[in-house]
C-alpha atoms as a PDB file:
ATOM      1  CA  UNK A   1     -11.591  11.369  -3.563  1.00  0.00           C
ATOM      2  CA  UNK A   2     -11.884  14.791  -1.894  1.00  0.00           C
ATOM      3  CA  UNK A   3     -12.674  15.114   1.801  1.00  0.00           C
ATOM      4  CA  UNK A   4     -14.682  18.335   1.250  1.00  0.00           C
ATOM      5  CA  UNK A   5     -16.558  19.441  -1.871  1.00  0.00           C
ATOM      6  CA  UNK A   6     -17.934  22.993  -2.216  1.00  0.00           C
ATOM      7  CA  UNK A   7     -20.161  23.983  -5.130  1.00  0.00           C
ATOM      8  CA  UNK A   8     -21.911  27.202  -6.116  1.00  0.00           C
ATOM      9  CA  UNK A   9     -24.752  27.798  -8.576  1.00  0.00           C
ATOM     10  CA  UNK A  10     -26.214  24.350  -7.936  1.00  0.00           C
ATOM     11  CA  UNK A  11     -29.908  24.112  -8.815  1.00  0.00           C
ATOM     12  CA  UNK A  12     -31.914  22.832  -5.851  1.00  0.00           C
ATOM     13  CA  UNK A  13     -33.528  20.066  -7.916  1.00  0.00           C
ATOM     14  CA  UNK A  14     -30.074  18.928  -9.139  1.00  0.00           C
ATOM     15  CA  UNK A  15     -28.869  18.855  -5.529  1.00  0.00           C
ATOM     16  CA  UNK A  16     -31.799  16.639  -4.503  1.00  0.00           C
ATOM     17  CA  UNK A  17     -31.925  14.357  -7.546  1.00  0.00           C
ATOM     18  CA  UNK A  18     -28.267  14.090  -8.594  1.00  0.00           C
ATOM     19  CA  UNK A  19     -25.592  15.364  -6.218  1.00  0.00           C
ATOM     20  CA  UNK A  20     -27.011  14.316  -2.846  1.00  0.00           C
ATOM     21  CA  UNK A  21     -27.926  10.704  -3.710  1.00  0.00           C
ATOM     22  CA  UNK A  22     -24.707   9.986  -5.610  1.00  0.00           C
ATOM     23  CA  UNK A  23     -22.348  11.585  -3.127  1.00  0.00           C
ATOM     24  CA  UNK A  24     -24.212  10.032  -0.176  1.00  0.00           C
ATOM     25  CA  UNK A  25     -23.491   6.602  -1.661  1.00  0.00           C
ATOM     26  CA  UNK A  26     -19.807   7.575  -1.757  1.00  0.00           C
ATOM     27  CA  UNK A  27     -19.790   8.401   1.968  1.00  0.00           C
ATOM     28  CA  UNK A  28     -20.476  12.138   1.979  1.00  0.00           C
ATOM     29  CA  UNK A  29     -22.875  14.142   4.124  1.00  0.00           C
ATOM     30  CA  UNK A  30     -24.447  16.982   2.137  1.00  0.00           C
ATOM     31  CA  UNK A  31     -25.852  20.415   2.976  1.00  0.00           C
ATOM     32  CA  UNK A  32     -27.488  22.996   0.740  1.00  0.00           C
ATOM     33  CA  UNK A  33     -28.752  26.571   0.948  1.00  0.00           C
ATOM     34  CA  UNK A  34     -30.917  28.014  -1.796  1.00  0.00           C
ATOM     35  CA  UNK A  35     -30.459  31.641  -2.759  1.00  0.00           C
ATOM     36  CA  UNK A  36     -33.223  33.885  -1.475  1.00  0.00           C
ATOM     37  CA  UNK A  37     -36.026  35.322  -3.585  1.00  0.00           C
ATOM     38  CA  UNK A  38     -37.227  33.296  -6.534  1.00  0.00           C
ATOM     39  CA  UNK A  39     -33.738  32.010  -7.420  1.00  0.00           C
ATOM     40  CA  UNK A  40     -33.447  28.295  -8.144  1.00  0.00           C
ATOM     41  CA  UNK A  41     -29.772  27.802  -7.312  1.00  0.00           C
ATOM     42  CA  UNK A  42     -27.581  27.953  -4.250  1.00  0.00           C
ATOM     43  CA  UNK A  43     -24.501  26.594  -2.513  1.00  0.00           C
ATOM     44  CA  UNK A  44     -23.863  22.939  -1.698  1.00  0.00           C
ATOM     45  CA  UNK A  45     -21.200  21.356   0.477  1.00  0.00           C
ATOM     46  CA  UNK A  46     -20.332  17.718   0.951  1.00  0.00           C
ATOM     47  CA  UNK A  47     -18.100  16.351   3.690  1.00  0.00           C
ATOM     48  CA  UNK A  48     -16.689  12.846   3.863  1.00  0.00           C
ATOM     49  CA  UNK A  49     -18.442  11.298   6.881  1.00  0.00           C
ATOM     50  CA  UNK A  50     -15.588   8.990   7.844  1.00  0.00           C
ATOM     51  CA  UNK A  51     -13.161  11.937   8.004  1.00  0.00           C
ATOM     52  CA  UNK A  52     -15.184  14.691   9.762  1.00  0.00           C
ATOM     53  CA  UNK A  53     -17.976  15.215  12.259  1.00  0.00           C
ATOM     54  CA  UNK A  54     -20.050  18.325  11.592  1.00  0.00           C
ATOM     55  CA  UNK A  55     -20.078  20.398  14.779  1.00  0.00           C
ATOM     56  CA  UNK A  56     -22.123  23.358  13.501  1.00  0.00           C
ATOM     57  CA  UNK A  57     -23.845  24.556  10.329  1.00  0.00           C
ATOM     58  CA  UNK A  58     -24.689  28.160   9.505  1.00  0.00           C
ATOM     59  CA  UNK A  59     -26.817  29.064   6.533  1.00  0.00           C
ATOM     60  CA  UNK A  60     -26.388  32.761   5.785  1.00  0.00           C
ATOM     61  CA  UNK A  61     -28.682  34.861   3.614  1.00  0.00           C
ATOM     62  CA  UNK A  62     -27.183  38.226   2.698  1.00  0.00           C
ATOM     63  CA  UNK A  63     -30.505  39.834   1.746  1.00  0.00           C
ATOM     64  CA  UNK A  64     -31.448  42.779   3.985  1.00  0.00           C
ATOM     65  CA  UNK A  65     -34.016  44.993   2.259  1.00  0.00           C
ATOM     66  CA  UNK A  66     -33.199  48.082   4.361  1.00  0.00           C
ATOM     67  CA  UNK A  67     -29.617  48.255   3.015  1.00  0.00           C
ATOM     68  CA  UNK A  68     -29.008  48.804  -0.691  1.00  0.00           C
ATOM     69  CA  UNK A  69     -25.654  47.012  -0.557  1.00  0.00           C
ATOM     70  CA  UNK A  70     -27.359  43.937   0.909  1.00  0.00           C
ATOM     71  CA  UNK A  71     -30.493  43.746  -1.224  1.00  0.00           C
ATOM     72  CA  UNK A  72     -29.209  40.851  -3.338  1.00  0.00           C
ATOM     73  CA  UNK A  73     -30.200  37.187  -3.239  1.00  0.00           C
ATOM     74  CA  UNK A  74     -26.772  35.760  -2.395  1.00  0.00           C
ATOM     75  CA  UNK A  75     -25.972  33.228   0.324  1.00  0.00           C
ATOM     76  CA  UNK A  76     -23.234  31.427   2.243  1.00  0.00           C
ATOM     77  CA  UNK A  77     -22.941  28.016   3.840  1.00  0.00           C
ATOM     78  CA  UNK A  78     -20.512  27.670   6.744  1.00  0.00           C
ATOM     79  CA  UNK A  79     -19.541  24.368   8.358  1.00  0.00           C
ATOM     80  CA  UNK A  80     -17.542  23.849  11.526  1.00  0.00           C
ATOM     81  CA  UNK A  81     -15.873  20.445  11.282  1.00  0.00           C
ATOM     82  CA  UNK A  82     -14.063  18.217  13.738  1.00  0.00           C
ATOM     83  CA  UNK A  83     -11.579  15.725  12.281  1.00  0.00           C
ATOM     84  CA  UNK A  84     -12.332  12.188  13.440  1.00  0.00           C
ATOM     85  CA  UNK A  85      -8.712  11.089  13.404  1.00  0.00           C
ATOM     86  CA  UNK A  86      -5.407  12.849  12.957  1.00  0.00           C
ATOM     87  CA  UNK A  87      -2.140  10.918  12.778  1.00  0.00           C
ATOM     88  CA  UNK A  88       0.491  12.290  15.066  1.00  0.00           C
ATOM     89  CA  UNK A  89       4.129  11.266  15.088  1.00  0.00           C
ATOM     90  CA  UNK A  90       5.455  12.698  18.309  1.00  0.00           C
ATOM     91  CA  UNK A  91       7.374  11.719  21.431  1.00  0.00           C
ATOM     92  CA  UNK A  92       4.723  13.363  23.588  1.00  0.00           C
ATOM     93  CA  UNK A  93       1.565  11.871  22.061  1.00  0.00           C
ATOM     94  CA  UNK A  94      -0.527  12.542  25.202  1.00  0.00           C
ATOM     95  CA  UNK A  95      -0.249  16.319  24.902  1.00  0.00           C
ATOM     96  CA  UNK A  96      -0.892  16.172  21.148  1.00  0.00           C
ATOM     97  CA  UNK A  97      -3.962  13.977  21.655  1.00  0.00           C
ATOM     98  CA  UNK A  98      -5.484  16.700  23.820  1.00  0.00           C
ATOM     99  CA  UNK A  99      -4.787  19.270  21.094  1.00  0.00           C
ATOM    100  CA  UNK A 100      -6.349  17.006  18.449  1.00  0.00           C
ATOM    101  CA  UNK A 101      -9.538  16.678  20.503  1.00  0.00           C
ATOM    102  CA  UNK A 102     -10.007  20.460  20.325  1.00  0.00           C
ATOM    103  CA  UNK A 103      -9.104  20.810  16.625  1.00  0.00           C
ATOM    104  CA  UNK A 104     -11.827  22.406  14.508  1.00  0.00           C
ATOM    105  CA  UNK A 105     -11.863  23.390  10.842  1.00  0.00           C
ATOM    106  CA  UNK A 106     -14.161  26.099   9.503  1.00  0.00           C
ATOM    107  CA  UNK A 107     -15.120  25.828   5.828  1.00  0.00           C
ATOM    108  CA  UNK A 108     -17.129  28.599   4.164  1.00  0.00           C
ATOM    109  CA  UNK A 109     -18.739  28.443   0.744  1.00  0.00           C
ATOM    110  CA  UNK A 110     -20.395  31.548  -0.646  1.00  0.00           C
ATOM    111  CA  UNK A 111     -22.026  32.862  -3.770  1.00  0.00           C
ATOM    112  CA  UNK A 112     -21.194  36.576  -3.860  1.00  0.00           C
ATOM    113  CA  UNK A 113     -22.601  39.069  -6.311  1.00  0.00           C
ATOM    114  CA  UNK A 114     -20.862  38.737  -9.689  1.00  0.00           C
ATOM    115  CA  UNK A 115     -21.096  42.338 -10.918  1.00  0.00           C
ATOM    116  CA  UNK A 116     -17.465  43.580 -11.246  1.00  0.00           C
ATOM    117  CA  UNK A 117     -18.604  47.199 -10.766  1.00  0.00           C
ATOM    118  CA  UNK A 118     -20.222  46.513  -7.375  1.00  0.00           C
ATOM    119  CA  UNK A 119     -17.268  45.894  -5.082  1.00  0.00           C
ATOM    120  CA  UNK A 120     -19.239  47.637  -2.329  1.00  0.00           C
ATOM    121  CA  UNK A 121     -21.854  44.872  -2.433  1.00  0.00           C
ATOM    122  CA  UNK A 122     -19.226  42.127  -2.377  1.00  0.00           C
ATOM    123  CA  UNK A 123     -17.466  43.789   0.563  1.00  0.00           C
ATOM    124  CA  UNK A 124     -20.736  44.051   2.515  1.00  0.00           C
ATOM    125  CA  UNK A 125     -21.540  40.408   1.787  1.00  0.00           C
ATOM    126  CA  UNK A 126     -18.062  39.328   2.921  1.00  0.00           C
ATOM    127  CA  UNK A 127     -18.460  41.365   6.128  1.00  0.00           C
ATOM    128  CA  UNK A 128     -21.679  39.467   6.889  1.00  0.00           C
ATOM    129  CA  UNK A 129     -20.047  36.092   6.138  1.00  0.00           C
ATOM    130  CA  UNK A 130     -16.981  36.865   8.282  1.00  0.00           C
ATOM    131  CA  UNK A 131     -19.142  38.055  11.184  1.00  0.00           C
ATOM    132  CA  UNK A 132     -21.000  34.728  11.053  1.00  0.00           C
ATOM    133  CA  UNK A 133     -17.722  32.821  11.088  1.00  0.00           C
ATOM    134  CA  UNK A 134     -16.454  34.798  14.069  1.00  0.00           C
END
C-alpha cells in the first residue's frame, strides 16, 4: 500500500509483462529507464495516481564516453510530483491552501556503479544526478 515504489535492476521485459500491468491495476502510474549499452535492466518507479500528479520526468543516462569516470551504463529516474490533496488542520487554512498548491516532491531513483573500489565513479554519477535535480 505504498504511495511510491522505486526499484533497481528490473529487467525491461519484466517491467512490461509483470510490474507495469499488475501495478497499473492497483492504481499506479509507472515509468522505466533501461540502462545504456546492451544492458537488459534499469530503474522503475511507480506512483499512486490518486495521491500524486507527475509534474516532470527526467531520465538520466550517466554514460559519457569522453570521461573515464562516466563511461558506465548506469542510469537515474527522477520524478517531480505534486500531491493531489494534503490535509491541513490550521486556523488559517487559506494561507496553507496556497502553500499546498505550490508543494512539490522530488523523488530520485538511481542505479550507481557497484564496484566498492570506484568511489570516483559513484561520486561523478551522483554529481550528474544532483545537477539534473537542481
